[in-house]
Amino acid sequence: MQTVALIDYGSGNLRSAQNALERAASTAPGGAKICVTADPETVAAADRVVLPGVGAFAACRAALMGRAGLVEAITAAVQGRGVPFLGVCVGMQLLASRGLEFGETPGLDWIPGEVRRLTPASPTCKVPHMGWNSLDDISPSGTALGLVPDAAMYFTHSFAFHPADPADVAAFTDHGGRFPAAVLRGNLAGVQFHPEKSQSAGLSLLARFLEWRP
């Protein structure tokens, strides 16, 4: 049975994410063991890695970097062995080169680009962006991961990740202007929305991630 490391670095909706992954694993061929962990050895040996994140970019980065050996273990698994990776919300944003929230903060720089504040063109579109939005312009690789056109996903955020290479965008959404809702490069995937709060569409995405062979 494969092992999924759900990274616990003090910044993320871990209980809901764990429950959703376990529900998805119950329908996946072969199942999966979901390990909520910050142990570097467990992470380095995992078959898949999920990085959640809630809050400010700089605070999440500091919390992640503050766990001894954790970033190195994630890097060994994801960059070294090529295991599938899913970043959720700020966990996706941390893939970027830099975040521009409360100044400039470096990210992991695994997908070049930057995280910028949402600037809706319509005054009726509030920031933070909180609620349901549908996905569009799904890339072929995004479809393979389980992203579905017009699927409604739950968002709660004030910043969005803009990859330098448009080819790294797997899906868009619109909130007074279009922005990337998902990114994908090789074995790296990230979603700005919360699959664990997105009901059947979110569970379907997590189930596909557990089967994904990039």
C-alpha atoms as a PDB file:
ATOM      1  CA  MET A   1       0.000   0.000   0.000  1.00  0.00           C
ATOM      2  CA  GLN A   2       1.318   3.424  -0.914  1.00  0.00           C
ATOM      3  CA  THR A   3       2.086   6.019   1.743  1.00  0.00           C
ATOM      4  CA  VAL A   4       0.990   9.660   1.415  1.00  0.00           C
ATOM      5  CA  ALA A   5       2.826  12.190   3.582  1.00  0.00           C
ATOM      6  CA  LEU A   6       0.444  15.004   4.561  1.00  0.00           C
ATOM      7  CA  ILE A   7       2.907  17.599   5.810  1.00  0.00           C
ATOM      8  CA  ASP A   8       2.271  18.936   9.305  1.00  0.00           C
ATOM      9  CA  TYR A   9       4.177  22.182   9.781  1.00  0.00           C
ATOM     10  CA  GLY A  10       1.598  24.006  11.861  1.00  0.00           C
ATOM     11  CA  SER A  11      -0.105  25.708   8.931  1.00  0.00           C
ATOM     12  CA  GLY A  12      -2.969  23.909   7.299  1.00  0.00           C
ATOM     13  CA  ASN A  13      -6.438  22.476   7.662  1.00  0.00           C
ATOM     14  CA  LEU A  14      -4.950  19.107   8.552  1.00  0.00           C
ATOM     15  CA  ARG A  15      -7.945  17.293  10.040  1.00  0.00           C
ATOM     16  CA  SER A  16     -10.222  18.086   7.101  1.00  0.00           C
ATOM     17  CA  ALA A  17      -7.460  17.337   4.598  1.00  0.00           C
ATOM     18  CA  GLN A  18      -6.684  14.023   6.290  1.00  0.00           C
ATOM     19  CA  ASN A  19     -10.357  13.017   6.355  1.00  0.00           C
ATOM     20  CA  ALA A  20     -10.797  13.891   2.677  1.00  0.00           C
ATOM     21  CA  LEU A  21      -7.655  12.005   1.637  1.00  0.00           C
ATOM     22  CA  GLU A  22      -8.735   8.954   3.626  1.00  0.00           C
ATOM     23  CA  ARG A  23     -12.157   9.029   1.977  1.00  0.00           C
ATOM     24  CA  ALA A  24     -10.491   9.289  -1.428  1.00  0.00           C
ATOM     25  CA  ALA A  25      -8.094   6.457  -0.529  1.00  0.00           C
ATOM     26  CA  SER A  26     -11.016   4.206   0.352  1.00  0.00           C
ATOM     27  CA  THR A  27     -12.074   4.231  -3.316  1.00  0.00           C
ATOM     28  CA  ALA A  28      -8.589   4.176  -4.878  1.00  0.00           C
ATOM     29  CA  PRO A  29      -7.213   0.884  -6.264  1.00  0.00           C
ATOM     30  CA  GLY A  30      -4.824  -0.493  -3.656  1.00  0.00           C
ATOM     31  CA  GLY A  31      -5.801   2.211  -1.184  1.00  0.00           C
ATOM     32  CA  ALA A  32      -3.307   4.475   0.560  1.00  0.00           C
ATOM     33  CA  LYS A  33      -2.020   5.130   4.060  1.00  0.00           C
ATOM     34  CA  ILE A  34      -2.321   8.823   4.959  1.00  0.00           C
ATOM     35  CA  CYS A  35       0.440   9.896   7.345  1.00  0.00           C
ATOM     36  CA  VAL A  36       0.144  13.319   8.976  1.00  0.00           C
ATOM     37  CA  THR A  37       3.799  13.967   9.671  1.00  0.00           C
ATOM     38  CA  ALA A  38       6.712  16.357  10.027  1.00  0.00           C
ATOM     39  CA  ASP A  39       9.224  13.518  10.400  1.00  0.00           C
ATOM     40  CA  PRO A  40      11.917  13.898   7.705  1.00  0.00           C
ATOM     41  CA  GLU A  41      12.524  10.160   7.361  1.00  0.00           C
ATOM     42  CA  THR A  42       8.832   9.432   6.842  1.00  0.00           C
ATOM     43  CA  VAL A  43       8.504  12.236   4.297  1.00  0.00           C
ATOM     44  CA  ALA A  44      11.640  11.259   2.373  1.00  0.00           C
ATOM     45  CA  ALA A  45      10.356   7.682   2.003  1.00  0.00           C
ATOM     46  CA  ALA A  46       6.745   8.569   1.088  1.00  0.00           C
ATOM     47  CA  ASP A  47       5.162   7.597  -2.228  1.00  0.00           C
ATOM     48  CA  ARG A  48       3.275  10.916  -2.480  1.00  0.00           C
ATOM     49  CA  VAL A  49       3.486  14.267  -0.728  1.00  0.00           C
ATOM     50  CA  VAL A  50       0.674  16.725   0.034  1.00  0.00           C
ATOM     51  CA  LEU A  51       1.564  20.194   1.329  1.00  0.00           C
ATOM     52  CA  PRO A  52      -1.371  22.185   2.757  1.00  0.00           C
ATOM     53  CA  GLY A  53      -1.253  25.804   3.841  1.00  0.00           C
ATOM     54  CA  VAL A  54      -3.537  28.410   5.377  1.00  0.00           C
ATOM     55  CA  GLY A  55      -2.569  32.000   6.144  1.00  0.00           C
ATOM     56  CA  ALA A  56       0.129  34.377   4.941  1.00  0.00           C
ATOM     57  CA  PHE A  57       2.844  33.267   2.515  1.00  0.00           C
ATOM     58  CA  ALA A  58       5.747  34.476   4.677  1.00  0.00           C
ATOM     59  CA  ALA A  59       4.382  32.876   7.843  1.00  0.00           C
ATOM     60  CA  CYS A  60       3.823  29.538   6.113  1.00  0.00           C
ATOM     61  CA  ARG A  61       7.308  29.595   4.616  1.00  0.00           C
ATOM     62  CA  ALA A  62       8.852  30.400   7.994  1.00  0.00           C
ATOM     63  CA  ALA A  63       6.931  27.570   9.640  1.00  0.00           C
ATOM     64  CA  LEU A  64       7.992  25.105   6.952  1.00  0.00           C
ATOM     65  CA  MET A  65      11.637  26.168   7.072  1.00  0.00           C
ATOM     66  CA  GLY A  66      11.549  26.062  10.870  1.00  0.00           C
ATOM     67  CA  ARG A  67      11.052  22.273  10.955  1.00  0.00           C
ATOM     68  CA  ALA A  68      14.556  20.807  10.958  1.00  0.00           C
ATOM     69  CA  GLY A  69      15.213  18.687   7.881  1.00  0.00           C
ATOM     70  CA  LEU A  70      11.653  18.895   6.569  1.00  0.00           C
ATOM     71  CA  VAL A  71      12.269  20.923   3.399  1.00  0.00           C
ATOM     72  CA  GLU A  72      15.268  18.740   2.607  1.00  0.00           C
ATOM     73  CA  ALA A  73      13.124  15.611   3.024  1.00  0.00           C
ATOM     74  CA  ILE A  74      10.363  16.975   0.783  1.00  0.00           C
ATOM     75  CA  THR A  75      12.987  17.922  -1.791  1.00  0.00           C
ATOM     76  CA  ALA A  76      14.563  14.459  -1.652  1.00  0.00           C
ATOM     77  CA  ALA A  77      11.185  12.791  -2.268  1.00  0.00           C
ATOM     78  CA  VAL A  78       9.747  15.192  -4.834  1.00  0.00           C
ATOM     79  CA  GLN A  79      12.788  16.491  -6.685  1.00  0.00           C
ATOM     80  CA  GLY A  80      15.124  13.587  -6.037  1.00  0.00           C
ATOM     81  CA  ARG A  81      12.818  10.561  -6.491  1.00  0.00           C
ATOM     82  CA  GLY A  82      10.100  12.285  -8.516  1.00  0.00           C
ATOM     83  CA  VAL A  83       7.147  11.303  -6.320  1.00  0.00           C
ATOM     84  CA  PRO A  84       3.847  13.073  -7.087  1.00  0.00           C
ATOM     85  CA  PHE A  85       3.347  16.296  -5.127  1.00  0.00           C
ATOM     86  CA  LEU A  86       0.150  18.252  -4.445  1.00  0.00           C
ATOM     87  CA  GLY A  87       0.210  21.735  -2.926  1.00  0.00           C
ATOM     88  CA  VAL A  88      -3.070  23.141  -1.591  1.00  0.00           C
ATOM     89  CA  CYS A  89      -3.776  26.897  -1.226  1.00  0.00           C
ATOM     90  CA  VAL A  90      -0.606  28.413   0.291  1.00  0.00           C
ATOM     91  CA  GLY A  91       0.994  24.989  -0.184  1.00  0.00           C
ATOM     92  CA  MET A  92       0.597  25.619  -3.914  1.00  0.00           C
ATOM     93  CA  GLN A  93       1.824  29.208  -3.630  1.00  0.00           C
ATOM     94  CA  LEU A  94       5.040  28.066  -1.941  1.00  0.00           C
ATOM     95  CA  LEU A  95       6.033  26.419  -5.231  1.00  0.00           C
ATOM     96  CA  ALA A  96       6.613  29.918  -6.632  1.00  0.00           C
ATOM     97  CA  SER A  97       9.884  31.838  -6.861  1.00  0.00           C
ATOM     98  CA  ARG A  98       8.572  34.532  -4.538  1.00  0.00           C
ATOM     99  CA  GLY A  99       5.524  35.824  -2.709  1.00  0.00           C
ATOM    100  CA  LEU A 100       4.628  39.513  -2.540  1.00  0.00           C
ATOM    101  CA  GLU A 101       2.516  39.448   0.620  1.00  0.00           C
ATOM    102  CA  PHE A 102       3.832  41.828   3.330  1.00  0.00           C
ATOM    103  CA  GLY A 103       6.981  42.432   1.296  1.00  0.00           C
ATOM    104  CA  GLU A 104       8.934  39.968  -0.833  1.00  0.00           C
ATOM    105  CA  THR A 105       9.536  36.446   0.473  1.00  0.00           C
ATOM    106  CA  PRO A 106      11.325  33.684  -1.448  1.00  0.00           C
ATOM    107  CA  GLY A 107       9.432  30.494  -2.201  1.00  0.00           C
ATOM    108  CA  LEU A 108      10.703  27.037  -3.094  1.00  0.00           C
ATOM    109  CA  ASP A 109      11.169  28.197  -6.718  1.00  0.00           C
ATOM    110  CA  TRP A 110      10.122  24.810  -8.103  1.00  0.00           C
ATOM    111  CA  ILE A 111       7.753  26.489 -10.580  1.00  0.00           C
ATOM    112  CA  PRO A 112       9.089  29.935 -11.570  1.00  0.00           C
ATOM    113  CA  GLY A 113       6.606  32.731 -10.952  1.00  0.00           C
ATOM    114  CA  GLU A 114       5.251  34.972  -8.234  1.00  0.00           C
ATOM    115  CA  VAL A 115       2.319  35.204  -5.843  1.00  0.00           C
ATOM    116  CA  ARG A 116       0.432  38.513  -6.161  1.00  0.00           C
ATOM    117  CA  ARG A 117      -2.610  40.027  -4.486  1.00  0.00           C
ATOM    118  CA  LEU A 118      -5.934  39.652  -6.238  1.00  0.00           C
ATOM    119  CA  THR A 119      -7.088  42.883  -7.905  1.00  0.00           C
ATOM    120  CA  PRO A 120     -10.673  42.310  -9.111  1.00  0.00           C
ATOM    121  CA  ALA A 121     -11.903  44.721 -11.761  1.00  0.00           C
ATOM    122  CA  SER A 122     -15.404  44.727 -10.271  1.00  0.00           C
ATOM    123  CA  PRO A 123     -16.056  46.332  -6.853  1.00  0.00           C
ATOM    124  CA  THR A 124     -18.639  43.624  -6.204  1.00  0.00           C
ATOM    125  CA  CYS A 125     -15.853  41.015  -6.113  1.00  0.00           C
ATOM    126  CA  LYS A 126     -14.437  41.222  -2.611  1.00  0.00           C
ATOM    127  CA  VAL A 127     -10.980  40.302  -1.338  1.00  0.00           C
ATOM    128  CA  PRO A 128     -10.485  37.878   0.356  1.00  0.00           C
ATOM    129  CA  HIS A 129     -12.098  35.752  -2.308  1.00  0.00           C
ATOM    130  CA  MET A 130     -14.270  33.293  -0.402  1.00  0.00           C
ATOM    131  CA  GLY A 131     -16.746  30.941  -2.009  1.00  0.00           C
ATOM    132  CA  TRP A 132     -17.455  28.692  -4.947  1.00  0.00           C
ATOM    133  CA  ASN A 133     -16.027  29.269  -8.420  1.00  0.00           C
ATOM    134  CA  SER A 134     -15.937  27.077 -11.505  1.00  0.00           C
ATOM    135  CA  LEU A 135     -12.824  25.994 -13.378  1.00  0.00           C
ATOM    136  CA  ASP A 136     -12.147  26.683 -17.045  1.00  0.00           C
ATOM    137  CA  ASP A 137      -9.408  26.312 -19.674  1.00  0.00           C
ATOM    138  CA  ILE A 138      -8.315  22.952 -18.282  1.00  0.00           C
ATOM    139  CA  SER A 139      -5.025  21.791 -19.812  1.00  0.00           C
ATOM    140  CA  PRO A 140      -4.704  18.186 -21.085  1.00  0.00           C
ATOM    141  CA  SER A 141      -2.374  17.387 -18.186  1.00  0.00           C
ATOM    142  CA  GLY A 142      -4.870  18.960 -15.782  1.00  0.00           C
ATOM    143  CA  THR A 143      -7.601  16.744 -17.172  1.00  0.00           C
ATOM    144  CA  ALA A 144      -5.362  13.718 -16.572  1.00  0.00           C
ATOM    145  CA  LEU A 145      -4.997  14.828 -12.941  1.00  0.00           C
ATOM    146  CA  GLY A 146      -8.759  15.011 -12.531  1.00  0.00           C
ATOM    147  CA  LEU A 147      -9.563  18.679 -13.133  1.00  0.00           C
ATOM    148  CA  VAL A 148     -12.968  18.985 -14.790  1.00  0.00           C
ATOM    149  CA  PRO A 149     -14.280  21.985 -16.788  1.00  0.00           C
ATOM    150  CA  ASP A 150     -17.027  23.904 -14.978  1.00  0.00           C
ATOM    151  CA  ALA A 151     -16.441  21.965 -11.736  1.00  0.00           C
ATOM    152  CA  ALA A 152     -17.255  24.199  -8.758  1.00  0.00           C
ATOM    153  CA  MET A 153     -14.457  24.399  -6.178  1.00  0.00           C
ATOM    154  CA  TYR A 154     -14.256  26.235  -2.861  1.00  0.00           C
ATOM    155  CA  PHE A 155     -11.753  29.112  -2.605  1.00  0.00           C
ATOM    156  CA  THR A 156     -10.619  31.246   0.320  1.00  0.00           C
ATOM    157  CA  HIS A 157      -7.608  33.476  -0.381  1.00  0.00           C
ATOM    158  CA  SER A 158      -6.387  37.001  -1.146  1.00  0.00           C
ATOM    159  CA  PHE A 159      -3.339  36.149  -3.304  1.00  0.00           C
ATOM    160  CA  ALA A 160      -2.836  34.034  -6.416  1.00  0.00           C
ATOM    161  CA  PHE A 161       0.154  32.282  -7.985  1.00  0.00           C
ATOM    162  CA  HIS A 162       1.074  33.486 -11.493  1.00  0.00           C
ATOM    163  CA  PRO A 163       3.617  31.154 -13.146  1.00  0.00           C
ATOM    164  CA  ALA A 164       6.182  32.759 -15.449  1.00  0.00           C
ATOM    165  CA  ASP A 165       5.452  30.116 -18.098  1.00  0.00           C
ATOM    166  CA  PRO A 166       1.760  29.986 -19.106  1.00  0.00           C
ATOM    167  CA  ALA A 167       2.238  26.292 -19.904  1.00  0.00           C
ATOM    168  CA  ASP A 168       2.479  25.634 -16.156  1.00  0.00           C
ATOM    169  CA  VAL A 169      -1.143  26.743 -15.624  1.00  0.00           C
ATOM    170  CA  ALA A 170      -3.458  23.717 -15.494  1.00  0.00           C
ATOM    171  CA  ALA A 171      -6.752  25.612 -14.967  1.00  0.00           C
ATOM    172  CA  PHE A 172      -8.143  29.112 -14.485  1.00  0.00           C
ATOM    173  CA  THR A 173     -11.034  30.620 -12.590  1.00  0.00           C
ATOM    174  CA  ASP A 174     -12.549  34.108 -12.499  1.00  0.00           C
ATOM    175  CA  HIS A 175     -13.179  36.533  -9.648  1.00  0.00           C
ATOM    176  CA  GLY A 176     -13.399  39.967 -11.230  1.00  0.00           C
ATOM    177  CA  GLY A 177     -10.616  38.807 -13.546  1.00  0.00           C
ATOM    178  CA  ARG A 178      -9.037  35.490 -14.467  1.00  0.00           C
ATOM    179  CA  PHE A 179      -6.244  33.927 -12.430  1.00  0.00           C
ATOM    180  CA  PRO A 180      -4.678  30.446 -12.197  1.00  0.00           C
ATOM    181  CA  ALA A 181      -6.700  28.020 -10.108  1.00  0.00           C
ATOM    182  CA  ALA A 182      -4.261  25.138 -10.607  1.00  0.00           C
ATOM    183  CA  VAL A 183      -0.671  24.666 -11.747  1.00  0.00           C
ATOM    184  CA  LEU A 184       1.120  21.596 -13.014  1.00  0.00           C
ATOM    185  CA  ARG A 185       4.706  20.899 -14.063  1.00  0.00           C
ATOM    186  CA  GLY A 186       5.992  17.342 -14.276  1.00  0.00           C
ATOM    187  CA  ASN A 187       5.276  15.640 -10.953  1.00  0.00           C
ATOM    188  CA  LEU A 188       4.348  18.964  -9.298  1.00  0.00           C
ATOM    189  CA  ALA A 189       0.681  19.915  -8.970  1.00  0.00           C
ATOM    190  CA  GLY A 190      -0.928  22.712  -7.022  1.00  0.00           C
ATOM    191  CA  VAL A 191      -4.475  23.974  -6.517  1.00  0.00           C
ATOM    192  CA  GLN A 192      -5.538  27.329  -5.127  1.00  0.00           C
ATOM    193  CA  PHE A 193      -8.902  25.966  -4.006  1.00  0.00           C
ATOM    194  CA  HIS A 194      -9.498  23.533  -1.145  1.00  0.00           C
ATOM    195  CA  PRO A 195     -10.362  20.029  -2.399  1.00  0.00           C
ATOM    196  CA  GLU A 196     -11.234  18.973   1.151  1.00  0.00           C
ATOM    197  CA  LYS A 197     -13.996  21.629   1.193  1.00  0.00           C
ATOM    198  CA  SER A 198     -15.172  21.086  -2.384  1.00  0.00           C
ATOM    199  CA  GLN A 199     -17.487  18.131  -1.799  1.00  0.00           C
ATOM    200  CA  SER A 200     -17.651  15.443  -4.507  1.00  0.00           C
ATOM    201  CA  ALA A 201     -15.572  17.389  -7.051  1.00  0.00           C
ATOM    202  CA  GLY A 202     -12.777  17.821  -4.523  1.00  0.00           C
ATOM    203  CA  LEU A 203     -12.860  14.179  -3.443  1.00  0.00           C
ATOM    204  CA  SER A 204     -12.734  13.118  -7.086  1.00  0.00           C
ATOM    205  CA  LEU A 205      -9.616  15.226  -7.616  1.00  0.00           C
ATOM    206  CA  LEU A 206      -7.910  13.728  -4.556  1.00  0.00           C
ATOM    207  CA  ALA A 207      -8.784  10.219  -5.725  1.00  0.00           C
ATOM    208  CA  ARG A 208      -7.214  10.938  -9.112  1.00  0.00           C
ATOM    209  CA  PHE A 209      -4.130  12.363  -7.413  1.00  0.00           C
ATOM    210  CA  LEU A 210      -3.707   9.080  -5.523  1.00  0.00           C
ATOM    211  CA  GLU A 211      -3.633   7.268  -8.889  1.00  0.00           C
ATOM    212  CA  TRP A 212      -1.701   9.940 -10.812  1.00  0.00           C
ATOM    213  CA  ARG A 213       1.404   8.737 -12.659  1.00  0.00           C
ATOM    214  CA  PRO A 214       3.071  11.876 -14.045  1.00  0.00           C
END
